[in-house]
Amino acid sequence: SNDILGAGRSLIKEVRKRIFDRTGIKNAMLATTHAHSTPETTGITRLLDVPNADKWLDVLIDQIVTSVELACNDMAEMSLKAGIGEAKGIAKNRRKGNISLDEQRAKGYIDEAVGILLCESSDKSDVLINFSTHPVTVQVQPLVSADYPGVATKLVEDVIKVCRNCAFLQGAAGDINPVRDDTRDFKDVELYGMILGGEAIKIISQLQATNVEPMKPILCAISKVIELPSRDLPDPEPFRQARLNALKEADSAKDDETRSRALKTAGYNQETLKRIERGTDPILAEIQVFRIGDVAIVGIPGEMFVGLGLQIKRESPAPYTFISETTNDWIGYIPTVGTYAEGGYEVHPGPWSMTNEAGGQMIVETAVELVRKLWK
């Protein structure tokens, strides 16, 4: 798991190749926390246009691969335990289409489950946390932050004295934000992290204090690449004209606020034109599942709406199912049926909107199919 926004297929391919060359591991899953206050690695903008970005990317890849290599050289016999808790007060459904947020919540479109995978021996332990909320609290400012997942994982490592490493998997959070949205306030980051980390510590302590039988040490992996249909795309001409009008407004603006607003509008239309230019070719999507004892970790290559994540959990035969979105690729938002009719940012035809509503259901069906194969 990495504190980056996401990762494209070319980055994944290079990471997997280097991991195999240095460790012999064939099945690697690259998960990202999707923290919005980290470098942009999803491909919405061209990172390589930034000076020295290529050098930074090479360092990033080497750090990822080296961490895997170090783990391989430090393998030890561990027991596996898992638990589920609940962290209230962090998440809300952020959708602002033609329906109210209260209606979304009434439908249960929020997932406050905290999944814990505990690997432990007599003198050391490692922890994996799974939770669903966009880490956007301190986005759009010139500072790098791991957001609330960073606070939560550090809290676990500090309090659980024998914990060597605590990692975080982002659940299905495509339409889930923190309750106070992007306040850019690090106090909120700390509060959300303490709520999540505190619940994780409680679950870990319960697993350690009670006579919970370790899970059978079953380790296996499976993956499948499917083709998703593209979303429909509009006529580009209105967006070209809107961009030109916005640029003219920015040039003639009398104050910074007007200029900034116009440039934002121009950028929004430019992003739409970029998506239209990509066309309607099918989108490749890799769904990967790891089985670790009784835990299924389902890698999803985009920002999955929580309703789809909950559907996978319901239909999964695994006792514990952890959704890991923005994993092994980033194909934008993966919406539920009805989302396009509701409208809103997530389904605007920008680079973040690739597949149509059928794509989400195809991913769900593939994910459940793969989990079932590992639980035969």
Foldseek 3Di string as FASTA:
>chain_A
DEAAQFAAQVLLVVLQVLLCVQPVDNDDKFFYQNAQLHDHHFVLDPQVVDPPSVVVSVVVSVVVSVVSNVCSVVDDDWFKDKDKDFQPQWKFFQDDFQDDSVVCVVVVQADRIWIWIWTHDPQAIEIEIFGEANQQQQHDDNHHDSFLQVLLFVLLCVPVVRYPGYYYFYFQHLRMHTPVHHNSDVVSSNVSNCSNNVRRNVVVVVCVVDPDDTFDFDKDKDKDKDWFWWDDADDLVVLVVLLVVLCVQLVPPPDPVSNVVSVVSNVVSVQLVVLVVVPTGTDIWMWMWIDGGLEIEIEGQENERSVLRVLLVVLAPRPHYGYGYSMSHYQAYQYAPPDVVRDDDRCRNGSRGTHDNVRSVVSSVVRRVRNVVVVD
